[in-house]
All heavy atoms as atom14 arrays in JSON, in Angstrom:
{
  "sequence": "EKKIKKQEPLAEIAEDEKPFELPKGWEWQVLGNLCVLENGDRSK",
  "atom14_mask": [
    [1, 1, 1, 1, 1, 1, 1, 1, 1, 0, 0, 0, 0, 0],
    [1, 1, 1, 1, 1, 1, 1, 1, 1, 0, 0, 0, 0, 0],
    [1, 1, 1, 1, 1, 1, 1, 1, 1, 0, 0, 0, 0, 0],
    [1, 1, 1, 1, 1, 1, 1, 1, 0, 0, 0, 0, 0, 0],
    [1, 1, 1, 1, 1, 1, 1, 1, 1, 0, 0, 0, 0, 0],
    [1, 1, 1, 1, 1, 1, 1, 1, 1, 0, 0, 0, 0, 0],
    [1, 1, 1, 1, 1, 1, 1, 1, 1, 0, 0, 0, 0, 0],
    [1, 1, 1, 1, 1, 1, 1, 1, 1, 0, 0, 0, 0, 0],
    [1, 1, 1, 1, 1, 1, 1, 0, 0, 0, 0, 0, 0, 0],
    [1, 1, 1, 1, 1, 1, 1, 1, 0, 0, 0, 0, 0, 0],
    [1, 1, 1, 1, 1, 0, 0, 0, 0, 0, 0, 0, 0, 0],
    [1, 1, 1, 1, 1, 1, 1, 1, 1, 0, 0, 0, 0, 0],
    [1, 1, 1, 1, 1, 1, 1, 1, 0, 0, 0, 0, 0, 0],
    [1, 1, 1, 1, 1, 0, 0, 0, 0, 0, 0, 0, 0, 0],
    [1, 1, 1, 1, 1, 1, 1, 1, 1, 0, 0, 0, 0, 0],
    [1, 1, 1, 1, 1, 1, 1, 1, 0, 0, 0, 0, 0, 0],
    [1, 1, 1, 1, 1, 1, 1, 1, 1, 0, 0, 0, 0, 0],
    [1, 1, 1, 1, 1, 1, 1, 1, 1, 0, 0, 0, 0, 0],
    [1, 1, 1, 1, 1, 1, 1, 0, 0, 0, 0, 0, 0, 0],
    [1, 1, 1, 1, 1, 1, 1, 1, 1, 1, 1, 0, 0, 0],
    [1, 1, 1, 1, 1, 1, 1, 1, 1, 0, 0, 0, 0, 0],
    [1, 1, 1, 1, 1, 1, 1, 1, 0, 0, 0, 0, 0, 0],
    [1, 1, 1, 1, 1, 1, 1, 0, 0, 0, 0, 0, 0, 0],
    [1, 1, 1, 1, 1, 1, 1, 1, 1, 0, 0, 0, 0, 0],
    [1, 1, 1, 1, 0, 0, 0, 0, 0, 0, 0, 0, 0, 0],
    [1, 1, 1, 1, 1, 1, 1, 1, 1, 1, 1, 1, 1, 1],
    [1, 1, 1, 1, 1, 1, 1, 1, 1, 0, 0, 0, 0, 0],
    [1, 1, 1, 1, 1, 1, 1, 1, 1, 1, 1, 1, 1, 1],
    [1, 1, 1, 1, 1, 1, 1, 1, 1, 0, 0, 0, 0, 0],
    [1, 1, 1, 1, 1, 1, 1, 0, 0, 0, 0, 0, 0, 0],
    [1, 1, 1, 1, 1, 1, 1, 1, 0, 0, 0, 0, 0, 0],
    [1, 1, 1, 1, 0, 0, 0, 0, 0, 0, 0, 0, 0, 0],
    [1, 1, 1, 1, 1, 1, 1, 1, 0, 0, 0, 0, 0, 0],
    [1, 1, 1, 1, 1, 1, 1, 1, 0, 0, 0, 0, 0, 0],
    [1, 1, 1, 1, 1, 1, 0, 0, 0, 0, 0, 0, 0, 0],
    [1, 1, 1, 1, 1, 1, 1, 0, 0, 0, 0, 0, 0, 0],
    [1, 1, 1, 1, 1, 1, 1, 1, 0, 0, 0, 0, 0, 0],
    [1, 1, 1, 1, 1, 1, 1, 1, 1, 0, 0, 0, 0, 0],
    [1, 1, 1, 1, 1, 1, 1, 1, 0, 0, 0, 0, 0, 0],
    [1, 1, 1, 1, 0, 0, 0, 0, 0, 0, 0, 0, 0, 0],
    [1, 1, 1, 1, 1, 1, 1, 1, 0, 0, 0, 0, 0, 0],
    [1, 1, 1, 1, 1, 1, 1, 1, 1, 1, 1, 0, 0, 0],
    [1, 1, 1, 1, 1, 1, 0, 0, 0, 0, 0, 0, 0, 0],
    [1, 1, 1, 1, 1, 1, 1, 1, 1, 0, 0, 0, 0, 0]
  ],
  "atom14_positions": [
    [[81.02, 143.05, 85.09], [79.8, 143.33, 84.33], [78.54, 143.02, 85.13], [77.43, 143.12, 84.61], [79.81, 142.51, 83.03], [80.93, 142.9, 82.07], [80.98, 141.99, 80.85], [80.16, 141.05, 80.76], [81.84, 142.22, 79.98], [0.0, 0.0, 0.0], [0.0, 0.0, 0.0], [0.0, 0.0, 0.0], [0.0, 0.0, 0.0], [0.0, 0.0, 0.0]],
    [[78.72, 142.61, 86.4], [77.63, 142.3, 87.31], [76.74, 141.16, 86.8], [75.54, 141.12, 87.1], [76.8, 143.55, 87.59], [77.58, 144.66, 88.28], [76.7, 145.85, 88.61], [77.52, 146.92, 89.35], [76.7, 148.11, 89.69], [0.0, 0.0, 0.0], [0.0, 0.0, 0.0], [0.0, 0.0, 0.0], [0.0, 0.0, 0.0], [0.0, 0.0, 0.0]],
    [[77.36, 140.25, 86.06], [76.62, 139.07, 85.59], [76.68, 137.94, 86.61], [75.81, 137.07, 86.62], [77.18, 138.61, 84.25], [76.91, 139.59, 83.12], [77.42, 139.05, 81.78], [77.08, 140.03, 80.66], [77.59, 139.54, 79.34], [0.0, 0.0, 0.0], [0.0, 0.0, 0.0], [0.0, 0.0, 0.0], [0.0, 0.0, 0.0], [0.0, 0.0, 0.0]],
    [[77.7, 137.96, 87.46], [77.79, 137.02, 88.57], [78.26, 137.79, 89.8], [78.86, 138.86, 89.68], [78.74, 135.83, 88.29], [80.18, 136.33, 88.09], [78.28, 135.01, 87.11], [81.22, 135.22, 88.0], [0.0, 0.0, 0.0], [0.0, 0.0, 0.0], [0.0, 0.0, 0.0], [0.0, 0.0, 0.0], [0.0, 0.0, 0.0], [0.0, 0.0, 0.0]],
    [[77.99, 137.22, 90.98], [78.44, 137.86, 92.21], [79.89, 137.49, 92.5], [80.34, 136.39, 92.19], [77.55, 137.42, 93.37], [76.12, 137.9, 93.27], [75.31, 137.43, 94.46], [73.87, 137.9, 94.36], [73.05, 137.43, 95.52], [0.0, 0.0, 0.0], [0.0, 0.0, 0.0], [0.0, 0.0, 0.0], [0.0, 0.0, 0.0], [0.0, 0.0, 0.0]],
    [[80.6, 138.43, 93.13], [81.96, 138.14, 93.53], [81.94, 137.16, 94.7], [81.21, 137.36, 95.67], [82.68, 139.43, 93.95], [84.15, 139.24, 94.28], [84.83, 140.55, 94.61], [86.31, 140.34, 94.91], [86.99, 141.62, 95.22], [0.0, 0.0, 0.0], [0.0, 0.0, 0.0], [0.0, 0.0, 0.0], [0.0, 0.0, 0.0], [0.0, 0.0, 0.0]],
    [[82.69, 136.09, 94.57], [82.68, 135.08, 95.62], [83.91, 135.2, 96.52], [84.93, 135.76, 96.13], [82.66, 133.67, 94.99], [83.93, 133.32, 94.21], [83.87, 131.93, 93.61], [82.83, 131.48, 93.16], [84.99, 131.24, 93.62], [0.0, 0.0, 0.0], [0.0, 0.0, 0.0], [0.0, 0.0, 0.0], [0.0, 0.0, 0.0], [0.0, 0.0, 0.0]],
    [[83.74, 134.69, 97.73], [84.86, 134.68, 98.66], [85.93, 133.72, 98.14], [85.6, 132.65, 97.61], [84.39, 134.22, 100.04], [83.45, 135.19, 100.74], [84.14, 136.5, 101.09], [85.35, 136.47, 101.41], [83.48, 137.56, 101.02], [0.0, 0.0, 0.0], [0.0, 0.0, 0.0], [0.0, 0.0, 0.0], [0.0, 0.0, 0.0], [0.0, 0.0, 0.0]],
    [[87.2, 134.09, 98.27], [88.26, 133.18, 97.79], [88.18, 131.83, 98.49], [88.0, 131.76, 99.71], [89.55, 133.93, 98.17], [89.14, 135.35, 98.35], [87.73, 135.32, 98.85], [0.0, 0.0, 0.0], [0.0, 0.0, 0.0], [0.0, 0.0, 0.0], [0.0, 0.0, 0.0], [0.0, 0.0, 0.0], [0.0, 0.0, 0.0], [0.0, 0.0, 0.0]],
    [[88.27, 130.76, 97.69], [88.23, 129.41, 98.25], [89.62, 129.01, 98.73], [90.63, 129.46, 98.19], [87.72, 128.42, 97.19], [86.28, 128.66, 96.74], [85.94, 127.81, 95.53], [85.3, 128.37, 97.87], [0.0, 0.0, 0.0], [0.0, 0.0, 0.0], [0.0, 0.0, 0.0], [0.0, 0.0, 0.0], [0.0, 0.0, 0.0], [0.0, 0.0, 0.0]],
    [[89.64, 128.18, 99.75], [90.92, 127.77, 100.35], [91.77, 127.02, 99.33], [91.25, 126.3, 98.46], [90.66, 126.89, 101.57], [0.0, 0.0, 0.0], [0.0, 0.0, 0.0], [0.0, 0.0, 0.0], [0.0, 0.0, 0.0], [0.0, 0.0, 0.0], [0.0, 0.0, 0.0], [0.0, 0.0, 0.0], [0.0, 0.0, 0.0], [0.0, 0.0, 0.0]],
    [[93.08, 127.21, 99.43], [94.01, 126.48, 98.57], [93.95, 124.98, 98.9], [93.66, 124.6, 100.03], [95.44, 126.99, 98.79], [95.67, 128.42, 98.34], [95.7, 128.56, 96.83], [96.08, 127.57, 96.16], [95.33, 129.63, 96.32], [0.0, 0.0, 0.0], [0.0, 0.0, 0.0], [0.0, 0.0, 0.0], [0.0, 0.0, 0.0], [0.0, 0.0, 0.0]],
    [[94.23, 124.17, 97.91], [94.22, 122.71, 98.11], [95.53, 122.32, 98.79], [96.62, 122.53, 98.23], [94.07, 121.97, 96.77], [92.78, 122.4, 96.07], [94.07, 120.46, 96.99], [92.63, 121.86, 94.66], [0.0, 0.0, 0.0], [0.0, 0.0, 0.0], [0.0, 0.0, 0.0], [0.0, 0.0, 0.0], [0.0, 0.0, 0.0], [0.0, 0.0, 0.0]],
    [[95.43, 121.77, 99.99], [96.62, 121.34, 100.73], [97.23, 120.1, 100.09], [96.54, 119.34, 99.39], [96.26, 121.05, 102.19], [0.0, 0.0, 0.0], [0.0, 0.0, 0.0], [0.0, 0.0, 0.0], [0.0, 0.0, 0.0], [0.0, 0.0, 0.0], [0.0, 0.0, 0.0], [0.0, 0.0, 0.0], [0.0, 0.0, 0.0], [0.0, 0.0, 0.0]],
    [[98.51, 119.9, 100.3], [99.2, 118.76, 99.7], [98.59, 117.43, 100.13], [98.48, 116.5, 99.33], [100.69, 118.79, 100.07], [101.5, 119.84, 99.32], [101.46, 119.66, 97.81], [101.56, 118.5, 97.36], [101.31, 120.67, 97.1], [0.0, 0.0, 0.0], [0.0, 0.0, 0.0], [0.0, 0.0, 0.0], [0.0, 0.0, 0.0], [0.0, 0.0, 0.0]],
    [[98.17, 117.34, 101.39], [97.6, 116.07, 101.87], [96.19, 115.84, 101.35], [95.61, 114.78, 101.57], [97.63, 116.01, 103.4], [96.82, 117.13, 104.04], [96.31, 118.01, 103.3], [96.7, 117.13, 105.28], [0.0, 0.0, 0.0], [0.0, 0.0, 0.0], [0.0, 0.0, 0.0], [0.0, 0.0, 0.0], [0.0, 0.0, 0.0], [0.0, 0.0, 0.0]],
    [[95.6, 116.84, 100.66], [94.28, 116.67, 100.05], [94.37, 116.19, 98.61], [93.34, 115.86, 98.01], [93.52, 118.01, 100.08], [93.12, 118.46, 101.47], [92.35, 119.77, 101.43], [92.85, 120.75, 100.82], [91.26, 119.82, 102.0], [0.0, 0.0, 0.0], [0.0, 0.0, 0.0], [0.0, 0.0, 0.0], [0.0, 0.0, 0.0], [0.0, 0.0, 0.0]],
    [[95.58, 116.15, 98.08], [95.77, 115.7, 96.7], [95.99, 114.19, 96.71], [97.02, 113.7, 97.16], [96.97, 116.41, 96.07], [96.81, 117.93, 96.04], [98.07, 118.63, 95.55], [97.9, 120.15, 95.58], [99.12, 120.87, 95.13], [0.0, 0.0, 0.0], [0.0, 0.0, 0.0], [0.0, 0.0, 0.0], [0.0, 0.0, 0.0], [0.0, 0.0, 0.0]],
    [[95.0, 113.43, 96.23], [95.03, 111.98, 96.43], [95.96, 111.21, 95.5], [96.26, 110.05, 95.75], [93.57, 111.57, 96.17], [93.05, 112.61, 95.24], [93.75, 113.88, 95.61], [0.0, 0.0, 0.0], [0.0, 0.0, 0.0], [0.0, 0.0, 0.0], [0.0, 0.0, 0.0], [0.0, 0.0, 0.0], [0.0, 0.0, 0.0], [0.0, 0.0, 0.0]],
    [[96.4, 111.82, 94.41], [97.31, 111.12, 93.49], [98.14, 112.14, 92.72], [97.82, 113.33, 92.67], [96.54, 110.21, 92.52], [95.41, 110.88, 91.79], [95.64, 111.57, 90.6], [94.11, 110.82, 92.27], [94.61, 112.18, 89.92], [93.06, 111.44, 91.58], [93.31, 112.12, 90.42], [0.0, 0.0, 0.0], [0.0, 0.0, 0.0], [0.0, 0.0, 0.0]],
    [[99.21, 111.64, 92.12], [100.1, 112.51, 91.35], [99.51, 112.77, 89.98], [99.01, 111.85, 89.32], [101.48, 111.84, 91.22], [102.52, 112.73, 90.58], [103.89, 112.07, 90.55], [104.07, 111.04, 91.23], [104.78, 112.58, 89.84], [0.0, 0.0, 0.0], [0.0, 0.0, 0.0], [0.0, 0.0, 0.0], [0.0, 0.0, 0.0], [0.0, 0.0, 0.0]],
    [[99.57, 114.02, 89.56], [98.97, 114.4, 88.28], [99.93, 114.16, 87.11], [101.15, 114.3, 87.26], [98.59, 115.87, 88.3], [97.45, 116.28, 89.23], [97.22, 117.78, 89.13], [96.17, 115.53, 88.88], [0.0, 0.0, 0.0], [0.0, 0.0, 0.0], [0.0, 0.0, 0.0], [0.0, 0.0, 0.0], [0.0, 0.0, 0.0], [0.0, 0.0, 0.0]],
    [[99.37, 113.85, 85.93], [100.21, 113.8, 84.73], [100.75, 115.19, 84.4], [100.21, 116.21, 84.86], [99.24, 113.32, 83.64], [98.08, 112.73, 84.37], [97.98, 113.47, 85.67], [0.0, 0.0, 0.0], [0.0, 0.0, 0.0], [0.0, 0.0, 0.0], [0.0, 0.0, 0.0], [0.0, 0.0, 0.0], [0.0, 0.0, 0.0], [0.0, 0.0, 0.0]],
    [[101.76, 115.25, 83.6], [102.34, 116.53, 83.2], [101.3, 117.34, 82.43], [100.63, 116.84, 81.54], [103.57, 116.28, 82.33], [104.34, 117.56, 82.0], [105.6, 117.26, 81.2], [106.37, 118.54, 80.9], [107.6, 118.26, 80.12], [0.0, 0.0, 0.0], [0.0, 0.0, 0.0], [0.0, 0.0, 0.0], [0.0, 0.0, 0.0], [0.0, 0.0, 0.0]],
    [[101.2, 118.62, 82.77], [100.26, 119.5, 82.08], [98.93, 119.63, 82.79], [98.11, 120.47, 82.41], [0.0, 0.0, 0.0], [0.0, 0.0, 0.0], [0.0, 0.0, 0.0], [0.0, 0.0, 0.0], [0.0, 0.0, 0.0], [0.0, 0.0, 0.0], [0.0, 0.0, 0.0], [0.0, 0.0, 0.0], [0.0, 0.0, 0.0], [0.0, 0.0, 0.0]],
    [[98.67, 118.78, 83.8], [97.43, 118.85, 84.56], [97.61, 119.77, 85.77], [98.73, 120.02, 86.22], [97.02, 117.46, 85.04], [96.53, 116.53, 83.96], [97.12, 116.28, 82.76], [95.37, 115.7, 84.01], [96.41, 115.36, 82.05], [95.31, 114.98, 82.79], [94.36, 115.49, 84.95], [94.3, 114.08, 82.51], [93.36, 114.59, 84.67], [93.32, 113.89, 83.46]],
    [[96.48, 120.23, 86.33], [96.51, 121.08, 87.52], [95.35, 120.71, 88.46], [94.26, 120.35, 88.0], [96.37, 122.56, 87.14], [97.55, 123.13, 86.39], [98.78, 123.33, 87.24], [98.64, 123.4, 88.48], [99.89, 123.42, 86.66], [0.0, 0.0, 0.0], [0.0, 0.0, 0.0], [0.0, 0.0, 0.0], [0.0, 0.0, 0.0], [0.0, 0.0, 0.0]],
    [[95.6, 120.82, 89.78], [94.54, 120.67, 90.76], [93.81, 122.0, 90.91], [94.42, 123.05, 90.94], [95.1, 120.27, 92.12], [95.55, 118.84, 92.22], [96.83, 118.39, 92.35], [94.72, 117.69, 92.22], [96.85, 117.02, 92.41], [95.56, 116.56, 92.34], [93.34, 117.49, 92.13], [95.07, 115.25, 92.37], [92.86, 116.19, 92.16], [93.7, 115.1, 92.29]],
    [[92.48, 121.93, 91.01], [91.69, 123.13, 91.28], [90.34, 122.69, 91.87], [89.89, 121.56, 91.64], [91.47, 123.94, 90.01], [90.82, 125.29, 90.2], [91.51, 126.15, 91.25], [91.19, 126.05, 92.43], [92.46, 127.0, 90.82], [0.0, 0.0, 0.0], [0.0, 0.0, 0.0], [0.0, 0.0, 0.0], [0.0, 0.0, 0.0], [0.0, 0.0, 0.0]],
    [[89.71, 123.57, 92.63], [88.4, 123.24, 93.17], [87.33, 123.63, 92.15], [87.5, 124.55, 91.35], [88.14, 123.94, 94.52], [89.05, 123.38, 95.59], [88.3, 125.45, 94.39], [0.0, 0.0, 0.0], [0.0, 0.0, 0.0], [0.0, 0.0, 0.0], [0.0, 0.0, 0.0], [0.0, 0.0, 0.0], [0.0, 0.0, 0.0], [0.0, 0.0, 0.0]],
    [[86.21, 122.91, 92.21], [85.15, 123.1, 91.22], [84.62, 124.52, 91.2], [84.32, 125.08, 90.15], [84.01, 122.11, 91.5], [82.85, 122.08, 90.51], [83.34, 121.66, 89.13], [81.75, 121.13, 90.99], [0.0, 0.0, 0.0], [0.0, 0.0, 0.0], [0.0, 0.0, 0.0], [0.0, 0.0, 0.0], [0.0, 0.0, 0.0], [0.0, 0.0, 0.0]],
    [[84.53, 125.14, 92.4], [84.0, 126.5, 92.48], [84.85, 127.54, 91.77], [84.36, 128.61, 91.42], [0.0, 0.0, 0.0], [0.0, 0.0, 0.0], [0.0, 0.0, 0.0], [0.0, 0.0, 0.0], [0.0, 0.0, 0.0], [0.0, 0.0, 0.0], [0.0, 0.0, 0.0], [0.0, 0.0, 0.0], [0.0, 0.0, 0.0], [0.0, 0.0, 0.0]],
    [[86.15, 127.24, 91.56], [87.02, 128.16, 90.83], [87.01, 127.88, 89.33], [87.51, 128.69, 88.55], [88.45, 128.07, 91.35], [88.62, 128.77, 92.69], [87.8, 129.62, 93.05], [89.65, 128.42, 93.43], [0.0, 0.0, 0.0], [0.0, 0.0, 0.0], [0.0, 0.0, 0.0], [0.0, 0.0, 0.0], [0.0, 0.0, 0.0], [0.0, 0.0, 0.0]],
    [[86.48, 126.72, 88.95], [86.45, 126.36, 87.53], [85.14, 126.75, 86.86], [85.1, 127.03, 85.66], [86.65, 124.84, 87.37], [88.01, 124.27, 87.79], [87.99, 122.76, 87.68], [89.12, 124.86, 86.93], [0.0, 0.0, 0.0], [0.0, 0.0, 0.0], [0.0, 0.0, 0.0], [0.0, 0.0, 0.0], [0.0, 0.0, 0.0], [0.0, 0.0, 0.0]],
    [[84.07, 126.74, 87.65], [82.73, 126.95, 87.09], [81.95, 127.94, 87.95], [82.35, 128.27, 89.06], [81.96, 125.62, 87.03], [82.82, 124.3, 86.19], [0.0, 0.0, 0.0], [0.0, 0.0, 0.0], [0.0, 0.0, 0.0], [0.0, 0.0, 0.0], [0.0, 0.0, 0.0], [0.0, 0.0, 0.0], [0.0, 0.0, 0.0], [0.0, 0.0, 0.0]],
    [[80.82, 128.36, 87.41], [79.87, 129.17, 88.17], [78.77, 128.24, 88.65], [78.18, 127.49, 87.87], [79.28, 130.29, 87.3], [78.18, 131.04, 88.07], [80.37, 131.25, 86.84], [0.0, 0.0, 0.0], [0.0, 0.0, 0.0], [0.0, 0.0, 0.0], [0.0, 0.0, 0.0], [0.0, 0.0, 0.0], [0.0, 0.0, 0.0], [0.0, 0.0, 0.0]],
    [[78.48, 128.26, 89.96], [77.42, 127.44, 90.54], [76.25, 128.35, 90.89], [76.43, 129.37, 91.55], [77.91, 126.71, 91.8], [79.16, 125.84, 91.64], [79.49, 125.15, 92.95], [78.99, 124.82, 90.53], [0.0, 0.0, 0.0], [0.0, 0.0, 0.0], [0.0, 0.0, 0.0], [0.0, 0.0, 0.0], [0.0, 0.0, 0.0], [0.0, 0.0, 0.0]],
    [[75.06, 127.97, 90.46], [73.89, 128.83, 90.67], [72.71, 128.01, 91.2], [72.26, 127.07, 90.55], [73.49, 129.52, 89.36], [72.32, 130.47, 89.53], [71.97, 131.19, 88.23], [72.89, 131.41, 87.41], [70.79, 131.52, 88.04], [0.0, 0.0, 0.0], [0.0, 0.0, 0.0], [0.0, 0.0, 0.0], [0.0, 0.0, 0.0], [0.0, 0.0, 0.0]],
    [[72.23, 128.37, 92.39], [71.05, 127.72, 92.97], [69.78, 128.22, 92.29], [69.77, 129.25, 91.61], [70.96, 128.03, 94.47], [71.93, 127.21, 95.29], [72.0, 126.0, 95.16], [72.69, 127.87, 96.16], [0.0, 0.0, 0.0], [0.0, 0.0, 0.0], [0.0, 0.0, 0.0], [0.0, 0.0, 0.0], [0.0, 0.0, 0.0], [0.0, 0.0, 0.0]],
    [[68.7, 127.49, 92.53], [67.4, 127.94, 92.07], [66.89, 129.08, 92.93], [67.41, 129.33, 94.03], [0.0, 0.0, 0.0], [0.0, 0.0, 0.0], [0.0, 0.0, 0.0], [0.0, 0.0, 0.0], [0.0, 0.0, 0.0], [0.0, 0.0, 0.0], [0.0, 0.0, 0.0], [0.0, 0.0, 0.0], [0.0, 0.0, 0.0], [0.0, 0.0, 0.0]],
    [[65.89, 129.77, 92.44], [65.28, 130.88, 93.18], [64.46, 130.29, 94.34], [63.5, 129.56, 94.13], [64.37, 131.69, 92.25], [63.89, 132.97, 92.91], [63.85, 133.04, 94.15], [63.54, 133.91, 92.18], [0.0, 0.0, 0.0], [0.0, 0.0, 0.0], [0.0, 0.0, 0.0], [0.0, 0.0, 0.0], [0.0, 0.0, 0.0], [0.0, 0.0, 0.0]],
    [[64.87, 130.6, 95.58], [64.18, 130.05, 96.76], [63.36, 131.11, 97.49], [63.0, 130.95, 98.64], [65.21, 129.42, 97.7], [65.96, 128.26, 97.04], [67.07, 127.73, 97.91], [67.8, 126.66, 97.23], [68.87, 126.03, 97.73], [69.33, 126.39, 98.91], [69.46, 125.08, 97.05], [0.0, 0.0, 0.0], [0.0, 0.0, 0.0], [0.0, 0.0, 0.0]],
    [[63.05, 132.2, 96.78], [62.25, 133.28, 97.38], [60.76, 132.96, 97.2], [60.37, 131.86, 96.82], [62.59, 134.6, 96.69], [62.11, 134.6, 95.36], [0.0, 0.0, 0.0], [0.0, 0.0, 0.0], [0.0, 0.0, 0.0], [0.0, 0.0, 0.0], [0.0, 0.0, 0.0], [0.0, 0.0, 0.0], [0.0, 0.0, 0.0], [0.0, 0.0, 0.0]],
    [[59.93, 133.95, 97.46], [58.49, 133.78, 97.3], [58.1, 133.52, 95.84], [56.99, 133.1, 95.54], [57.76, 135.04, 97.81], [58.1, 136.31, 97.02], [57.36, 137.51, 97.58], [57.7, 138.77, 96.75], [57.01, 139.96, 97.26], [0.0, 0.0, 0.0], [0.0, 0.0, 0.0], [0.0, 0.0, 0.0], [0.0, 0.0, 0.0], [0.0, 0.0, 0.0]]
  ]
}
């Protein structure tokens, strides 16, 4: 719907980047895949 820009796929989380074991039903994910991040207007 062109409400957000298509973003480049973010790298998968490597096993050695997971600092602890998750409870059942939880999942690891990066913030950029969970939410939309929007900067302020930095133009003129």
